[in-house]
Structure formats: C-alpha cells, structure tokens
Amino acid sequence: MTPEAQEAWHSTPEIIRRILQDYRVVAVVGLSPQPDRPSYQVARYLKDHGYRIVPVRPGCSEILGERCYPSLRDVPFPVEVVDIFRNVEAIPGVVEEAIAAGAKAVWMQLGLAEPAAGARAKDAGLLVVMDRCMKMEHSRLAEER
C-alpha cells in the first residue's frame, strides 16, 4: 500500500503510536497454535511486552496460556484492538464483529488490506491500520525512545 493510501486509512505514525500506547487488550483473530507461524510470534511478542492477548480461533481451547474463543462474539469482555491474521475475504466479517464488540481499533497485519472494510470501521469510529505488523511497529517505536 502506498504512503498516500496509508494516510487515507489513518495508518499514520500518530495513529499507530496511539493504538500501541493507549490500548492493551488485543484480540488476535486467526492466531495459530503453531510457534513457527507469524501470528503466534506476533502474539507472543505482544504478550511479552505487557499486552493482554485474546486468542480468537475456532477449534482451539488455549494458545499462549490464554483461553481461546471461536469468534469475537464469544469473548465475554471488551477488547480494544482486533489484530487480523485472516485471508482478505474474511476481513469484512471480522470488521463487523469488531464493531459489534465495541473495539477501538482494527489492525490488518502486514500484507492485508481491505479498503472497503477499513472504510466501514472508520465510519463506525474505529481507528484503522492496514498492511502493518504490530510487532514491527511496536519494536520501531521502542527504538525511537
């Protein structure tokens, strides 16, 4: 995604910094139980850096020592950020669940961008990041300090 497109979807450095600094409860949709998968590595990193990770993956009972939920609808407490590790076709449905769950932000991981779903989330008042990695962005911000 071009820098101009990032700006259009509020994936600005200020929005990224705000999400990473202000929100601590991250639902990781599509979190894999396999340690060699990017979703697992990102979630582990975030957990190691003080974030509460909420695994969302059907068919799993626990990942990274945390109870796993089959969907965002099944999470019985508020989540602030919905970090998406699903294929692009699944993103609109995940965004609708994030809106319904009262999330504050939707983060589409590196390689994922769904502009229509991003616009829907933004119109609903959520902060939106597309095609960025939470782990890499957090690490970059930590280096700036």
Protein backbone atom coordinates (compact mmCIF):
# COMPACT_ATOMS: atom_id res chain seq x y z
CA MET A 1 0.00 0.00 0.00
CA THR A 2 1.35 3.41 -0.91
CA PRO A 3 2.09 6.00 1.80
CA GLU A 4 -0.79 8.07 0.46
CA ALA A 5 -3.19 5.16 0.86
CA GLN A 6 -1.88 4.56 4.40
CA GLU A 7 -2.63 8.21 5.22
CA ALA A 8 -6.14 7.85 3.83
CA TRP A 9 -6.84 5.00 6.22
CA HIS A 10 -5.37 6.70 9.27
CA SER A 11 -2.38 4.36 9.37
CA THR A 12 -0.29 7.40 10.18
CA PRO A 13 2.58 7.13 12.66
CA GLU A 14 0.49 9.09 15.16
CA ILE A 15 -2.45 6.67 14.94
CA ILE A 16 -0.14 3.66 15.16
CA ARG A 17 1.58 5.15 18.21
CA ARG A 18 -1.79 5.94 19.83
CA ILE A 19 -3.04 2.38 19.37
CA LEU A 20 0.16 0.82 20.68
CA GLN A 21 0.41 3.15 23.68
CA ASP A 22 -3.24 3.53 24.70
CA TYR A 23 -4.78 0.13 24.09
CA ARG A 24 -3.61 -3.02 25.90
CA VAL A 25 -6.23 -5.71 25.15
CA VAL A 26 -5.62 -7.27 21.73
CA ALA A 27 -7.85 -9.92 20.20
CA VAL A 28 -5.73 -11.81 17.68
CA VAL A 29 -8.14 -13.21 15.12
CA GLY A 30 -6.64 -16.20 13.34
CA LEU A 31 -3.94 -16.80 15.96
CA SER A 32 -2.19 -20.05 15.16
CA PRO A 33 -1.20 -22.51 17.89
CA GLN A 34 1.98 -23.28 15.91
CA PRO A 35 5.06 -21.40 17.22
CA ASP A 36 6.59 -21.05 13.75
CA ARG A 37 3.63 -19.05 12.40
CA PRO A 38 3.76 -15.23 12.21
CA SER A 39 0.52 -14.81 14.18
CA TYR A 40 1.95 -16.81 17.09
CA GLN A 41 5.23 -14.88 17.02
CA VAL A 42 3.47 -11.51 16.99
CA ALA A 43 1.08 -12.50 19.78
CA ARG A 44 3.92 -13.87 21.91
CA TYR A 45 5.90 -10.66 21.41
CA LEU A 46 2.91 -8.51 22.37
CA LYS A 47 2.20 -10.64 25.44
CA ASP A 48 5.87 -10.42 26.47
CA HIS A 49 5.56 -6.63 26.22
CA GLY A 50 2.57 -6.28 28.53
CA TYR A 51 -0.42 -6.61 26.23
CA ARG A 52 -3.31 -8.88 27.12
CA ILE A 53 -3.71 -11.31 24.25
CA VAL A 54 -7.12 -12.77 23.46
CA PRO A 55 -6.77 -15.68 21.00
CA VAL A 56 -9.65 -15.99 18.52
CA ARG A 57 -9.58 -19.25 16.59
CA PRO A 58 -12.27 -21.93 16.28
CA GLY A 59 -11.26 -25.40 17.42
CA CYS A 60 -8.62 -24.32 19.95
CA SER A 61 -9.14 -24.14 23.70
CA GLU A 62 -5.90 -22.37 24.62
CA ILE A 63 -2.99 -20.61 22.90
CA LEU A 64 -0.04 -18.97 24.68
CA GLY A 65 -1.60 -19.89 28.01
CA GLU A 66 -4.72 -17.86 27.23
CA ARG A 67 -8.26 -19.13 26.76
CA CYS A 68 -9.16 -19.20 23.08
CA TYR A 69 -12.55 -18.10 21.71
CA PRO A 70 -14.15 -19.30 18.46
CA SER A 71 -15.15 -15.74 17.42
CA LEU A 72 -15.11 -12.18 18.67
CA ARG A 73 -18.79 -12.58 19.53
CA ASP A 74 -17.81 -15.20 22.10
CA VAL A 75 -15.32 -13.03 24.01
CA PRO A 76 -17.13 -12.14 27.28
CA PHE A 77 -15.18 -8.92 27.99
CA PRO A 78 -14.21 -5.83 25.99
CA VAL A 79 -11.32 -5.93 23.55
CA GLU A 80 -9.64 -2.75 22.38
CA VAL A 81 -7.71 -3.81 19.28
CA VAL A 82 -8.66 -6.51 16.80
CA ASP A 83 -5.48 -7.74 15.11
CA ILE A 84 -6.43 -9.67 11.98
CA PHE A 85 -4.47 -12.68 10.68
CA ARG A 86 -7.07 -13.99 8.25
CA ASN A 87 -7.37 -14.00 4.49
CA VAL A 88 -8.63 -10.83 2.85
CA GLU A 89 -12.03 -12.36 2.09
CA ALA A 90 -12.66 -12.85 5.83
CA ILE A 91 -11.79 -9.28 6.82
CA PRO A 92 -15.23 -7.67 6.24
CA GLY A 93 -16.86 -10.16 8.60
CA VAL A 94 -14.16 -9.69 11.22
CA VAL A 95 -14.57 -5.91 10.99
CA GLU A 96 -18.33 -6.25 11.53
CA GLU A 97 -17.65 -8.38 14.63
CA ALA A 98 -15.11 -5.82 15.87
CA ILE A 99 -17.65 -3.02 15.51
CA ALA A 100 -20.32 -5.07 17.30
CA ALA A 101 -17.85 -5.93 20.08
CA GLY A 102 -17.10 -2.25 20.71
CA ALA A 103 -13.42 -2.46 19.71
CA LYS A 104 -11.49 0.80 19.46
CA ALA A 105 -9.22 -0.22 16.57
CA VAL A 106 -8.86 -2.72 13.76
CA TRP A 107 -5.33 -3.70 12.71
CA MET A 108 -4.85 -5.62 9.47
CA GLN A 109 -1.48 -7.33 9.57
CA LEU A 110 1.34 -6.97 7.09
CA GLY A 111 0.17 -7.97 3.62
CA LEU A 112 -3.51 -7.45 4.46
CA ALA A 113 -5.56 -4.51 3.29
CA GLU A 114 -9.30 -4.38 2.64
CA PRO A 115 -10.21 -0.75 1.89
CA ALA A 116 -13.99 -1.19 1.98
CA ALA A 117 -13.81 -2.89 5.39
CA GLY A 118 -11.37 -0.22 6.54
CA ALA A 119 -13.83 2.48 5.49
CA ARG A 120 -16.65 0.68 7.31
CA ALA A 121 -14.56 0.50 10.50
CA LYS A 122 -13.54 4.15 10.21
CA ASP A 123 -17.16 5.22 9.65
CA ALA A 124 -18.06 3.32 12.84
CA GLY A 125 -15.46 5.32 14.76
CA LEU A 126 -12.65 2.77 14.94
CA LEU A 127 -9.02 3.55 14.28
CA VAL A 128 -7.76 1.60 11.28
CA VAL A 129 -4.32 0.27 10.38
CA MET A 130 -3.72 -1.78 7.25
CA ASP A 131 -0.71 -3.67 5.93
CA ARG A 132 1.41 -3.17 9.03
CA CYS A 133 2.79 -5.56 11.66
CA MET A 134 2.04 -4.75 15.31
CA LYS A 135 5.28 -6.40 16.42
CA MET A 136 7.41 -4.47 13.95
CA GLU A 137 5.68 -1.17 14.71
CA HIS A 138 5.99 -1.68 18.47
CA SER A 139 9.67 -2.54 18.10
CA ARG A 140 10.24 0.53 15.93
CA LEU A 141 8.56 2.80 18.49
CA ALA A 142 10.60 1.26 21.30
CA GLU A 143 13.80 2.05 19.37
CA GLU A 144 12.71 5.69 18.98
CA ARG A 145 12.55 6.15 22.75
